[in-house]
Amino acid sequence: MKKKLISIILTAVLIVGLSAAVMAETDKYGGVWKDALQSNPPQMDPAQSTDTKSAEMIYQLFETLVEYDSEGNIKPLLAESWDISEDAQTYTFHLRKGVHFHAETEGGTPTANGGREVTAEDWVWTFNHITSPETKSPRAYFIDMIKGYDAYRNGETDKLAGVRAVDKYTLEVELEKPFAPFLGTLAYNTFVVMPKEDVNKWGEDWNFHPVGTGAFKFESWEQDSVVRMSRNDNYWMKDEDGNQLPYLEALEFRIIPDYTMMWEEFQIGNIYQTYVDDPFYLDAKENYPDTFFELPQLGTYYYGMNVEKEPFDDKRVRQAMNYAINREMMIELVQNGRNTPAKGIIPPTMFGYNEELEGYSYNPDKARALLAEAGYQDGFEVTLQYNTSKGHKRVAEALQAQYRQVGIDVKLQNLDWGSHLDSVERGEAAFFRMGWVADYNDPDNFLYVLLHSDNIGPEGNYARFSNERFDTLTEYARLETDPEKRKQAYQQAEKIAVEEAPWVFIYHYTTHSLVQPYVNNYELPAFGQHANLFRDVWISK
């Protein structure tokens, strides 16, 4: 009788234990992730996206062959593995099986692709679509080293010679010459797989009907109000216990331009994650020690000077603009000391960073002398254009006061992000605020992309800077495979850029994110909030 009773008790305990385990897993599922964006994302079309607001949306909907982990290292995504030839010019990607495009969009409307499986042919079509001269992708040149790129762009061939489907699940990409950061480039949000049926179906409206393979599907986009996505029930990824991802039922990103309002919405629980503006920084660190994430970011904040416009066509004026400001004081007083003063372009945590780079110290006397040499002994008036943000405004006002001390009268003009970016890309703004966060973890993404003369305009060189020696060094570093030689070339190129001063070098970002205590599995990416992934985040609220 006792044995029978013990057996019953043990069975009951086992059932309770199993039920608790099942319940623990079940409790992870459900809920709507509520978040905020500071501005309307300009582009949901991966081929046209160049900004971080759009990138955060694209990373939820689409997927690349490889991706970065939270420490900035490359890892597999839609490619399970890859082989690289001895000459480092041929990459063979072994694709993951069982990956499907989204089968339906808003209101359950079937997509043109029918939710079919992704194959190597889809990648071939996608690479050809992105690099097609008709697509006019501003980031196509990131992969201009692929064999046949120039011929295809010039209309000499009808496809990229270097991209081939070996079989259903094997993709081969051949380069004209070795390119050290090639894998990292493929993690950028432009190089996602897209279904040709839906791209062709929607045409110019594809931007408003994006379809990918990501953990979430596009639902709706109310301009300047909210972007909504729903769970992809046919997602290929599972967690470490074999449970289907994602856990969340949906994502909702409200457009909240005011950081004060964003902070207030977080305080009352209406959003689950927020950017922490400078006035709330100490509060966040003190009151949310377990859910406030902060680390150095691969990014640089600067004021660009259009070197084709007066007075910035004179190097002495550009140098004076750098000597006139006290970066350390501004960061301490306006930003609670949270960012790192910039001596140059490359962020401190990136390969190739030069600790011995001299940069520009605060020297108002030197600034006045340079202005006098350039014929501006009485100073000049200029308009600084920046995009909507109280944080940008505070920095601008602090530096505006410092410029006034050397006779430079800086007027401030505020535009929404889309209008600001368009104006800067067109070369209309003489003096403008801009920031750059790495698309891929390599100096090439900063020096070549942002300042090579081939990339003037929308491709990234907004200052319209051109220097033959700089171009030669950055071109060489792209092809060199020896890390030490690449590093030396990049550091030489950066010294030239700092000397020529097409930017006012201000600071390197610190990335941070504040989430609610009931948010689980959240990791802050090394690239910043825009690279957030919510596929394994769950809410215990």
Protein backbone atom coordinates (compact mmCIF):
# COMPACT_ATOMS: atom_id res chain seq x y z
CA MET A 1 0.00 0.00 0.00
CA LYS A 2 2.83 2.36 0.89
CA LYS A 3 4.64 1.54 -2.37
CA LYS A 4 1.48 2.28 -4.33
CA LEU A 5 1.02 5.61 -2.48
CA ILE A 6 4.67 6.60 -3.10
CA SER A 7 4.26 5.72 -6.78
CA ILE A 8 1.16 7.90 -7.04
CA ILE A 9 2.96 10.79 -5.32
CA LEU A 10 6.01 10.46 -7.58
CA THR A 11 3.78 10.32 -10.67
CA ALA A 12 1.92 13.41 -9.51
CA VAL A 13 5.20 15.26 -8.86
CA LEU A 14 6.44 14.25 -12.32
CA ILE A 15 3.24 15.46 -13.97
CA VAL A 16 3.40 18.77 -12.08
CA GLY A 17 7.06 19.18 -13.06
CA LEU A 18 6.37 18.48 -16.71
CA SER A 19 3.36 20.77 -16.67
CA ALA A 20 5.47 23.55 -15.16
CA ALA A 21 8.12 23.06 -17.84
CA VAL A 22 5.52 23.09 -20.61
CA MET A 23 3.84 26.11 -19.05
CA ALA A 24 7.20 27.92 -18.81
CA GLU A 25 7.77 27.41 -22.53
CA THR A 26 4.15 28.30 -23.40
CA ASP A 27 4.36 31.48 -21.34
CA LYS A 28 7.06 32.77 -23.66
CA TYR A 29 4.62 33.04 -26.53
CA GLY A 30 2.29 35.91 -27.30
CA GLY A 31 2.19 39.61 -26.76
CA VAL A 32 2.77 42.64 -28.95
CA TRP A 33 6.20 44.27 -28.83
CA LYS A 34 5.65 48.03 -28.47
CA ASP A 35 8.47 50.26 -29.59
CA ALA A 36 9.16 53.73 -30.99
CA LEU A 37 11.02 55.31 -33.87
CA GLN A 38 12.11 58.93 -33.82
CA SER A 39 11.03 59.45 -37.42
CA ASN A 40 9.18 57.81 -40.27
CA PRO A 41 11.44 55.23 -41.99
CA PRO A 42 12.12 56.60 -45.49
CA GLN A 43 12.46 53.20 -47.18
CA MET A 44 11.19 49.65 -46.61
CA ASP A 45 12.67 48.57 -49.94
CA PRO A 46 16.03 47.00 -49.01
CA ALA A 47 17.53 47.97 -52.36
CA GLN A 48 16.87 51.66 -51.64
CA SER A 49 17.52 51.89 -47.90
CA THR A 50 20.48 53.92 -46.62
CA ASP A 51 19.40 54.93 -43.09
CA THR A 52 19.12 53.33 -39.66
CA LYS A 53 15.36 53.90 -39.18
CA SER A 54 14.60 51.89 -42.30
CA ALA A 55 17.23 49.29 -41.41
CA GLU A 56 15.54 48.39 -38.13
CA MET A 57 12.32 47.61 -40.00
CA ILE A 58 14.09 45.70 -42.77
CA TYR A 59 15.98 43.45 -40.32
CA GLN A 60 12.66 42.19 -38.96
CA LEU A 61 11.18 41.42 -42.38
CA PHE A 62 14.14 40.25 -44.45
CA GLU A 63 17.25 38.13 -44.00
CA THR A 64 20.80 38.03 -45.33
CA LEU A 65 23.17 35.15 -46.03
CA VAL A 66 25.21 35.98 -42.92
CA GLU A 67 24.76 38.27 -39.94
CA TYR A 68 26.72 39.80 -37.08
CA ASP A 69 26.47 38.52 -33.53
CA SER A 70 26.20 40.90 -30.55
CA GLU A 71 29.98 41.33 -30.48
CA GLY A 72 30.31 42.19 -34.16
CA ASN A 73 31.48 38.79 -35.44
CA ILE A 74 30.13 37.16 -38.62
CA LYS A 75 27.91 34.11 -38.19
CA PRO A 76 25.64 32.05 -40.50
CA LEU A 77 22.03 33.03 -41.23
CA LEU A 78 20.42 31.88 -44.49
CA ALA A 79 23.74 30.36 -45.49
CA GLU A 80 24.49 27.46 -43.14
CA SER A 81 28.16 27.53 -44.12
CA TRP A 82 30.52 28.73 -46.84
CA ASP A 83 33.84 27.93 -48.48
CA ILE A 84 36.39 30.46 -49.71
CA SER A 85 38.84 29.58 -52.49
CA GLU A 86 42.59 29.81 -51.92
CA ASP A 87 42.83 32.98 -53.99
CA ALA A 88 40.00 34.51 -51.87
CA GLN A 89 37.98 35.31 -54.97
CA THR A 90 35.28 32.62 -54.99
CA TYR A 91 32.75 32.19 -52.18
CA THR A 92 30.53 29.10 -52.16
CA PHE A 93 27.49 29.42 -49.89
CA HIS A 94 25.63 26.33 -48.73
CA LEU A 95 22.07 27.52 -48.26
CA ARG A 96 19.75 26.57 -45.46
CA LYS A 97 16.88 24.32 -46.54
CA GLY A 98 13.27 24.93 -45.52
CA VAL A 99 13.39 28.74 -45.67
CA HIS A 100 10.18 30.19 -47.13
CA PHE A 101 9.04 33.62 -48.23
CA HIS A 102 6.13 35.14 -46.32
CA ALA A 103 2.91 33.59 -47.58
CA GLU A 104 0.56 36.48 -46.84
CA THR A 105 0.54 40.14 -45.99
CA GLU A 106 -2.00 42.61 -44.64
CA GLY A 107 -5.44 41.14 -44.03
CA GLY A 108 -4.35 37.68 -45.09
CA THR A 109 -3.98 38.66 -48.76
CA PRO A 110 -1.88 35.98 -50.52
CA THR A 111 1.47 37.13 -51.85
CA ALA A 112 2.52 36.50 -55.43
CA ASN A 113 5.19 34.02 -54.35
CA GLY A 114 2.74 31.76 -52.49
CA GLY A 115 5.13 31.19 -49.60
CA ARG A 116 7.48 29.05 -51.66
CA GLU A 117 10.91 27.84 -50.55
CA VAL A 118 13.97 30.04 -51.14
CA THR A 119 16.57 28.58 -53.51
CA ALA A 120 19.92 29.65 -54.93
CA GLU A 121 18.11 31.02 -58.01
CA ASP A 122 16.35 33.54 -55.75
CA TRP A 123 19.72 34.80 -54.59
CA VAL A 124 20.95 35.06 -58.17
CA TRP A 125 17.86 37.09 -59.11
CA THR A 126 18.21 39.28 -55.99
CA PHE A 127 21.86 40.18 -56.60
CA ASN A 128 21.02 41.02 -60.21
CA HIS A 129 18.04 43.11 -59.12
CA ILE A 130 20.03 45.11 -56.57
CA THR A 131 22.89 45.83 -58.96
CA SER A 132 20.70 46.48 -62.00
CA PRO A 133 21.13 50.02 -63.39
CA GLU A 134 17.33 50.22 -63.54
CA THR A 135 17.00 49.64 -59.78
CA LYS A 136 19.36 52.52 -58.99
CA SER A 137 20.23 51.12 -55.59
CA PRO A 138 22.45 53.60 -53.71
CA ARG A 139 24.23 50.71 -52.00
CA ALA A 140 24.79 48.46 -55.03
CA TYR A 141 28.40 49.59 -55.19
CA PHE A 142 29.08 47.88 -51.85
CA ILE A 143 29.48 44.72 -53.97
CA ASP A 144 31.07 46.27 -57.06
CA MET A 145 33.94 43.80 -56.74
CA ILE A 146 31.73 40.92 -57.98
CA LYS A 147 32.86 39.66 -61.36
CA GLY A 148 30.99 41.32 -64.23
CA TYR A 149 29.60 44.19 -62.13
CA ASP A 150 30.82 46.98 -64.42
CA ALA A 151 29.76 45.19 -67.61
CA TYR A 152 26.28 44.60 -66.19
CA ARG A 153 25.92 48.18 -64.99
CA ASN A 154 27.02 49.48 -68.39
CA GLY A 155 24.49 47.35 -70.25
CA GLU A 156 27.13 45.15 -71.87
CA THR A 157 25.63 41.98 -70.38
CA ASP A 158 22.17 40.99 -69.15
CA LYS A 159 23.29 39.57 -65.79
CA LEU A 160 26.09 39.45 -63.23
CA ALA A 161 28.72 37.00 -64.45
CA GLY A 162 30.01 36.31 -60.95
CA VAL A 163 26.78 35.11 -59.30
CA ARG A 164 25.71 31.54 -60.08
CA ALA A 165 23.37 28.83 -58.75
CA VAL A 166 25.46 25.64 -58.61
CA ASP A 167 22.39 23.67 -57.56
CA LYS A 168 19.16 24.30 -55.65
CA TYR A 169 20.91 25.02 -52.35
CA THR A 170 24.39 26.14 -53.43
CA LEU A 171 25.23 29.72 -54.41
CA GLU A 172 28.59 30.72 -55.86
CA VAL A 173 29.88 34.30 -55.91
CA GLU A 174 33.08 35.11 -57.77
CA LEU A 175 34.98 38.36 -57.27
CA GLU A 176 37.15 40.23 -59.76
CA LYS A 177 39.78 40.64 -57.05
CA PRO A 178 40.04 39.71 -53.34
CA PHE A 179 38.02 41.95 -51.03
CA ALA A 180 38.74 41.36 -47.34
CA PRO A 181 35.42 42.62 -45.85
CA PHE A 182 33.21 40.88 -48.43
CA LEU A 183 31.39 38.60 -45.95
CA GLY A 184 30.70 41.54 -43.65
CA THR A 185 29.28 43.49 -46.56
CA LEU A 186 26.75 40.73 -47.19
CA ALA A 187 25.36 41.20 -43.67
CA TYR A 188 24.20 44.71 -44.62
CA ASN A 189 20.43 45.15 -44.89
CA THR A 190 20.42 45.81 -48.64
CA PHE A 191 21.68 42.30 -49.44
CA VAL A 192 18.63 40.33 -48.34
CA VAL A 193 16.81 37.76 -50.44
CA MET A 194 13.67 39.11 -52.15
CA PRO A 195 10.87 37.30 -54.05
CA LYS A 196 10.89 38.43 -57.68
CA GLU A 197 7.14 37.77 -58.01
CA ASP A 198 6.25 40.35 -55.38
CA VAL A 199 8.90 42.89 -56.40
CA ASN A 200 7.57 42.73 -59.96
CA LYS A 201 3.94 42.69 -58.87
CA TRP A 202 4.14 45.88 -56.84
CA GLY A 203 6.68 47.79 -58.90
CA GLU A 204 7.13 51.29 -57.48
CA ASP A 205 4.78 50.40 -54.59
CA TRP A 206 7.06 47.54 -53.43
CA ASN A 207 8.31 49.95 -50.74
CA PHE A 208 4.84 49.75 -49.14
CA HIS A 209 4.37 45.98 -49.56
CA PRO A 210 7.67 44.40 -48.45
CA VAL A 211 7.86 40.59 -48.39
CA GLY A 212 10.82 38.65 -47.04
CA THR A 213 11.75 35.58 -45.03
CA GLY A 214 12.16 37.22 -41.61
CA ALA A 215 10.62 36.32 -38.27
CA PHE A 216 7.89 38.92 -38.82
CA LYS A 217 5.63 39.81 -41.74
CA PHE A 218 4.63 43.29 -42.84
CA GLU A 219 1.08 44.27 -41.89
CA SER A 220 0.60 48.02 -42.26
CA TRP A 221 2.38 51.36 -42.36
CA GLU A 222 0.52 54.49 -41.40
CA GLN A 223 2.83 57.29 -42.53
CA ASP A 224 4.34 59.28 -39.65
CA SER A 225 2.23 57.25 -37.21
CA VAL A 226 2.92 53.53 -36.84
CA VAL A 227 4.44 50.46 -38.54
CA ARG A 228 2.93 47.07 -37.69
CA MET A 229 4.22 43.54 -38.28
CA SER A 230 2.83 40.12 -37.38
CA ARG A 231 4.40 36.81 -36.44
CA ASN A 232 5.68 34.63 -39.29
CA ASP A 233 4.15 31.27 -38.33
CA ASN A 234 6.22 29.55 -41.01
CA TYR A 235 9.58 30.86 -39.79
CA TRP A 236 12.50 28.46 -40.19
CA MET A 237 14.35 29.16 -36.94
CA LYS A 238 13.90 27.36 -33.62
CA ASP A 239 15.34 28.11 -30.18
CA GLU A 240 17.93 25.92 -28.44
CA ASP A 241 15.17 23.70 -27.03
CA GLY A 242 13.59 23.14 -30.44
CA ASN A 243 10.70 25.55 -29.92
CA GLN A 244 9.40 27.54 -32.87
CA LEU A 245 10.46 31.19 -33.14
CA PRO A 246 9.49 33.97 -32.86
CA TYR A 247 7.79 34.14 -29.47
CA LEU A 248 6.09 37.50 -30.00
CA GLU A 249 2.74 37.70 -31.75
CA ALA A 250 3.40 41.08 -33.34
CA LEU A 251 5.59 44.19 -33.46
CA GLU A 252 4.36 47.78 -33.31
CA PHE A 253 6.64 50.77 -33.94
CA ARG A 254 5.08 54.15 -33.23
CA ILE A 255 6.62 57.30 -34.67
CA ILE A 256 7.47 59.57 -31.71
CA PRO A 257 9.74 62.44 -32.82
CA ASP A 258 10.08 63.93 -29.33
CA TYR A 259 12.51 62.08 -27.03
CA THR A 260 10.84 63.57 -23.95
CA MET A 261 7.53 62.08 -25.04
CA MET A 262 9.29 58.79 -25.77
CA TRP A 263 10.70 58.77 -22.23
CA GLU A 264 7.26 59.50 -20.76
CA GLU A 265 5.66 56.74 -22.84
CA PHE A 266 8.27 54.32 -21.52
CA GLN A 267 7.65 55.41 -17.94
CA ILE A 268 3.95 54.56 -18.14
CA GLY A 269 4.61 51.29 -19.97
CA ASN A 270 3.25 52.20 -23.40
CA ILE A 271 6.53 51.22 -25.09
CA TYR A 272 8.94 48.47 -24.07
CA GLN A 273 12.20 49.98 -25.33
CA THR A 274 13.45 53.52 -25.66
CA TYR A 275 16.38 55.64 -26.69
CA VAL A 276 17.51 57.57 -23.62
CA ASP A 277 18.04 61.24 -24.34
CA ASP A 278 20.75 63.14 -22.46
CA PRO A 279 18.47 64.74 -19.79
CA PHE A 280 17.29 61.27 -18.71
CA TYR A 281 20.63 59.47 -18.95
CA LEU A 282 21.57 59.53 -15.24
CA ASP A 283 18.02 58.64 -14.26
CA ALA A 284 18.09 55.57 -16.51
CA LYS A 285 21.45 54.37 -15.17
CA GLU A 286 20.38 54.79 -11.57
CA ASN A 287 16.82 53.47 -11.69
CA TYR A 288 17.13 50.73 -14.32
CA PRO A 289 20.51 49.11 -13.56
CA ASP A 290 19.47 45.68 -14.85
CA THR A 291 17.76 46.76 -18.08
CA PHE A 292 19.88 49.70 -19.24
CA PHE A 293 22.28 48.53 -21.94
CA GLU A 294 25.28 50.62 -22.98
CA LEU A 295 28.45 49.97 -25.00
CA PRO A 296 30.75 51.76 -27.48
CA GLN A 297 29.18 51.93 -30.92
CA LEU A 298 30.75 51.59 -34.34
CA GLY A 299 29.71 55.08 -35.35
CA THR A 300 30.81 58.70 -35.78
CA TYR A 301 28.86 61.95 -35.38
CA TYR A 302 30.04 64.83 -37.55
CA TYR A 303 29.18 68.08 -39.30
CA GLY A 304 29.80 67.80 -43.02
CA MET A 305 31.06 70.73 -45.09
CA ASN A 306 30.32 70.75 -48.78
CA VAL A 307 33.80 71.40 -50.18
CA GLU A 308 32.31 72.63 -53.45
CA LYS A 309 30.57 75.57 -51.77
CA GLU A 310 32.02 78.74 -50.25
CA PRO A 311 33.50 79.21 -47.73
CA PHE A 312 34.20 75.48 -47.34
CA ASP A 313 36.07 75.24 -50.63
CA ASP A 314 39.03 76.59 -48.62
CA LYS A 315 40.83 74.01 -46.45
CA ARG A 316 41.86 76.69 -43.95
CA VAL A 317 38.21 77.48 -43.22
CA ARG A 318 37.44 73.79 -42.72
CA GLN A 319 40.36 73.43 -40.33
CA ALA A 320 39.25 76.54 -38.46
CA MET A 321 35.81 74.98 -38.00
CA ASN A 322 37.52 72.09 -36.22
CA TYR A 323 39.86 74.18 -34.04
CA ALA A 324 36.98 76.42 -32.93
CA ILE A 325 35.07 73.83 -30.90
CA ASN A 326 35.68 72.23 -27.51
CA ARG A 327 34.43 68.67 -27.98
CA GLU A 328 35.22 67.51 -24.46
CA MET A 329 33.33 70.38 -22.83
CA MET A 330 30.30 69.94 -25.08
CA ILE A 331 30.14 66.19 -24.42
CA GLU A 332 30.49 66.69 -20.67
CA LEU A 333 27.97 69.51 -20.31
CA VAL A 334 25.40 68.54 -22.93
CA GLN A 335 25.68 64.75 -23.00
CA ASN A 336 26.69 63.79 -19.46
CA GLY A 337 30.07 62.63 -20.78
CA ARG A 338 28.53 59.65 -22.53
CA ASN A 339 30.35 59.90 -25.90
CA THR A 340 34.01 59.89 -27.00
CA PRO A 341 35.58 63.00 -28.63
CA ALA A 342 36.49 62.27 -32.25
CA LYS A 343 40.02 62.84 -33.50
CA GLY A 344 39.11 61.43 -36.87
CA ILE A 345 36.74 59.11 -38.71
CA ILE A 346 37.30 55.50 -37.60
CA PRO A 347 35.61 54.55 -34.26
CA PRO A 348 37.86 53.40 -31.38
CA THR A 349 36.58 49.81 -31.31
CA MET A 350 37.11 49.18 -35.04
CA PHE A 351 40.10 47.54 -36.68
CA GLY A 352 42.44 50.23 -38.03
CA TYR A 353 41.75 52.82 -35.31
CA ASN A 354 44.81 55.03 -34.86
CA GLU A 355 45.45 55.91 -31.23
CA GLU A 356 48.27 58.25 -32.26
CA LEU A 357 46.14 60.31 -34.65
CA GLU A 358 46.53 63.94 -33.56
CA GLY A 359 43.20 65.36 -34.64
CA TYR A 360 42.12 68.88 -33.70
CA SER A 361 42.48 70.36 -30.23
CA TYR A 362 40.40 73.26 -29.00
CA ASN A 363 42.39 76.29 -30.18
CA PRO A 364 40.24 79.38 -30.93
CA ASP A 365 43.32 81.52 -31.59
CA LYS A 366 44.44 79.08 -34.28
CA ALA A 367 40.92 79.15 -35.71
CA ARG A 368 40.91 82.96 -35.94
CA ALA A 369 44.35 82.97 -37.59
CA LEU A 370 43.26 80.45 -40.23
CA LEU A 371 40.10 82.42 -40.95
CA ALA A 372 42.15 85.59 -41.40
CA GLU A 373 44.52 83.79 -43.78
CA ALA A 374 41.55 82.66 -45.82
CA GLY A 375 40.21 86.22 -46.03
CA TYR A 376 37.53 85.90 -43.35
CA GLN A 377 39.12 88.03 -40.65
CA ASP A 378 35.65 89.37 -39.82
CA GLY A 379 34.16 85.89 -39.83
CA PHE A 380 31.18 84.78 -41.90
CA GLU A 381 27.59 83.58 -41.62
CA VAL A 382 26.53 80.03 -42.44
CA THR A 383 23.44 77.85 -41.93
CA LEU A 384 23.79 74.49 -40.19
CA GLN A 385 21.10 72.10 -41.39
CA TYR A 386 20.14 69.27 -39.02
CA ASN A 387 17.29 66.80 -38.69
CA THR A 388 14.55 66.90 -36.09
CA SER A 389 15.87 65.99 -32.65
CA LYS A 390 16.25 67.86 -29.39
CA GLY A 391 19.58 66.07 -28.95
CA HIS A 392 20.88 67.37 -32.28
CA LYS A 393 19.58 70.81 -31.39
CA ARG A 394 21.38 70.86 -28.02
CA VAL A 395 24.68 69.91 -29.65
CA ALA A 396 24.14 72.50 -32.39
CA GLU A 397 23.35 75.25 -29.90
CA ALA A 398 26.42 74.43 -27.79
CA LEU A 399 28.72 74.51 -30.82
CA GLN A 400 26.93 77.55 -32.20
CA ALA A 401 27.98 79.49 -29.10
CA GLN A 402 31.59 78.33 -29.49
CA TYR A 403 31.69 79.32 -33.16
CA ARG A 404 30.41 82.76 -32.24
CA GLN A 405 33.56 83.28 -30.18
CA VAL A 406 35.71 83.16 -33.34
CA GLY A 407 33.39 85.28 -35.47
CA ILE A 408 31.41 82.51 -37.20
CA ASP A 409 27.67 83.17 -37.07
CA VAL A 410 25.92 79.80 -37.36
CA LYS A 411 22.20 79.87 -38.10
CA LEU A 412 20.25 76.68 -37.36
CA GLN A 413 17.78 75.07 -39.75
CA ASN A 414 15.76 72.04 -38.73
CA LEU A 415 14.24 69.58 -41.25
CA ASP A 416 12.55 66.20 -40.90
CA TRP A 417 14.93 63.28 -41.49
CA GLY A 418 13.76 62.39 -44.99
CA SER A 419 13.97 65.95 -46.28
CA HIS A 420 17.31 66.52 -44.57
CA LEU A 421 18.85 63.36 -46.05
CA ASP A 422 17.54 64.16 -49.52
CA SER A 423 18.95 67.69 -49.37
CA VAL A 424 22.36 66.48 -48.18
CA GLU A 425 22.55 63.75 -50.83
CA ARG A 426 21.79 66.31 -53.56
CA GLY A 427 24.60 68.56 -52.35
CA GLU A 428 22.23 71.43 -51.55
CA ALA A 429 23.33 71.94 -47.94
CA ALA A 430 26.69 73.66 -47.39
CA PHE A 431 26.94 72.76 -43.68
CA PHE A 432 25.02 69.82 -42.26
CA ARG A 433 24.73 67.41 -39.35
CA MET A 434 25.30 63.79 -40.15
CA GLY A 435 26.19 60.56 -38.41
CA TRP A 436 27.39 57.22 -39.68
CA VAL A 437 26.99 53.85 -38.01
CA ALA A 438 28.84 50.91 -39.56
CA ASP A 439 27.06 48.88 -42.20
CA TYR A 440 29.85 46.33 -41.92
CA ASN A 441 32.66 46.11 -39.40
CA ASP A 442 35.60 47.40 -41.42
CA PRO A 443 37.31 50.79 -42.05
CA ASP A 444 36.35 50.41 -45.72
CA ASN A 445 32.79 51.24 -44.71
CA PHE A 446 33.90 54.58 -43.28
CA LEU A 447 36.80 55.75 -45.42
CA TYR A 448 36.01 54.39 -48.87
CA VAL A 449 32.22 54.70 -48.62
CA LEU A 450 32.08 58.15 -47.03
CA LEU A 451 34.99 59.96 -48.66
CA HIS A 452 36.12 58.28 -51.89
CA SER A 453 35.46 60.50 -54.91
CA ASP A 454 33.50 57.73 -56.68
CA ASN A 455 30.87 57.93 -53.95
CA ILE A 456 30.01 61.62 -54.05
CA GLY A 457 26.30 62.16 -53.37
CA PRO A 458 23.77 59.47 -52.30
CA GLU A 459 26.46 56.78 -52.15
CA GLY A 460 27.84 58.35 -48.94
CA ASN A 461 30.34 61.10 -49.74
CA TYR A 462 28.02 63.94 -48.75
CA ALA A 463 30.89 66.42 -48.29
CA ARG A 464 31.78 65.89 -51.98
CA PHE A 465 35.41 65.39 -50.95
CA SER A 466 37.97 64.40 -53.60
CA ASN A 467 41.64 63.62 -53.03
CA GLU A 468 43.65 61.45 -55.43
CA ARG A 469 46.09 60.10 -52.82
CA PHE A 470 43.23 59.28 -50.45
CA ASP A 471 41.39 57.44 -53.25
CA THR A 472 44.50 55.43 -54.12
CA LEU A 473 45.09 54.33 -50.53
CA THR A 474 41.48 53.28 -49.90
CA GLU A 475 41.33 51.40 -53.21
CA TYR A 476 44.54 49.56 -52.31
CA ALA A 477 43.26 48.65 -48.84
CA ARG A 478 40.10 47.15 -50.34
CA LEU A 479 42.14 44.65 -52.34
CA GLU A 480 44.97 43.89 -49.90
CA THR A 481 44.50 40.73 -47.81
CA ASP A 482 47.35 41.30 -45.34
CA PRO A 483 45.73 42.87 -42.22
CA GLU A 484 48.81 44.90 -41.25
CA LYS A 485 49.20 46.39 -44.73
CA ARG A 486 45.48 47.21 -44.81
CA LYS A 487 45.74 48.89 -41.42
CA GLN A 488 48.68 51.05 -42.51
CA ALA A 489 46.89 52.12 -45.70
CA TYR A 490 43.73 53.05 -43.82
CA GLN A 491 45.63 55.05 -41.22
CA GLN A 492 47.48 56.97 -43.92
CA ALA A 493 44.20 57.69 -45.70
CA GLU A 494 42.57 58.86 -42.49
CA LYS A 495 45.46 61.27 -41.80
CA ILE A 496 44.90 62.83 -45.21
CA ALA A 497 41.17 63.20 -44.57
CA VAL A 498 41.76 64.76 -41.15
CA GLU A 499 44.28 67.20 -42.64
CA GLU A 500 41.87 68.15 -45.46
CA ALA A 501 38.99 68.34 -42.96
CA PRO A 502 35.84 67.82 -45.05
CA TRP A 503 34.09 67.20 -41.71
CA VAL A 504 33.97 68.77 -38.31
CA PHE A 505 34.94 65.66 -36.34
CA ILE A 506 32.76 65.76 -33.22
CA TYR A 507 32.35 62.43 -31.39
CA HIS A 508 32.07 58.65 -31.60
CA TYR A 509 28.76 57.24 -30.43
CA THR A 510 27.98 55.21 -27.40
CA THR A 511 25.02 52.94 -28.16
CA HIS A 512 22.46 52.26 -25.48
CA SER A 513 18.96 50.96 -24.97
CA LEU A 514 16.55 50.89 -22.06
CA VAL A 515 13.99 48.08 -21.91
CA GLN A 516 11.23 47.23 -19.46
CA PRO A 517 11.97 44.76 -16.62
CA TYR A 518 9.59 42.19 -18.14
CA VAL A 519 11.52 42.00 -21.43
CA ASN A 520 13.56 38.80 -21.81
CA ASN A 521 16.35 37.68 -24.18
CA TYR A 522 17.10 41.21 -25.35
CA GLU A 523 20.65 41.92 -26.55
CA LEU A 524 21.98 45.32 -27.65
CA PRO A 525 23.85 44.87 -30.96
CA ALA A 526 27.33 46.32 -31.40
CA PHE A 527 25.98 48.28 -34.35
CA GLY A 528 23.29 49.96 -32.26
CA GLN A 529 19.53 49.86 -31.81
CA HIS A 530 18.86 49.87 -35.54
CA ALA A 531 20.28 46.33 -35.75
CA ASN A 532 17.85 45.03 -33.10
CA LEU A 533 16.37 41.58 -33.70
CA PHE A 534 13.22 40.49 -31.87
CA ARG A 535 12.94 36.91 -33.11
CA ASP A 536 13.75 35.39 -29.70
CA VAL A 537 12.62 38.22 -27.41
CA TRP A 538 9.71 37.39 -25.12
CA ILE A 539 7.60 39.26 -22.58
CA SER A 540 6.88 37.96 -19.08
CA LYS A 541 4.41 40.74 -18.30
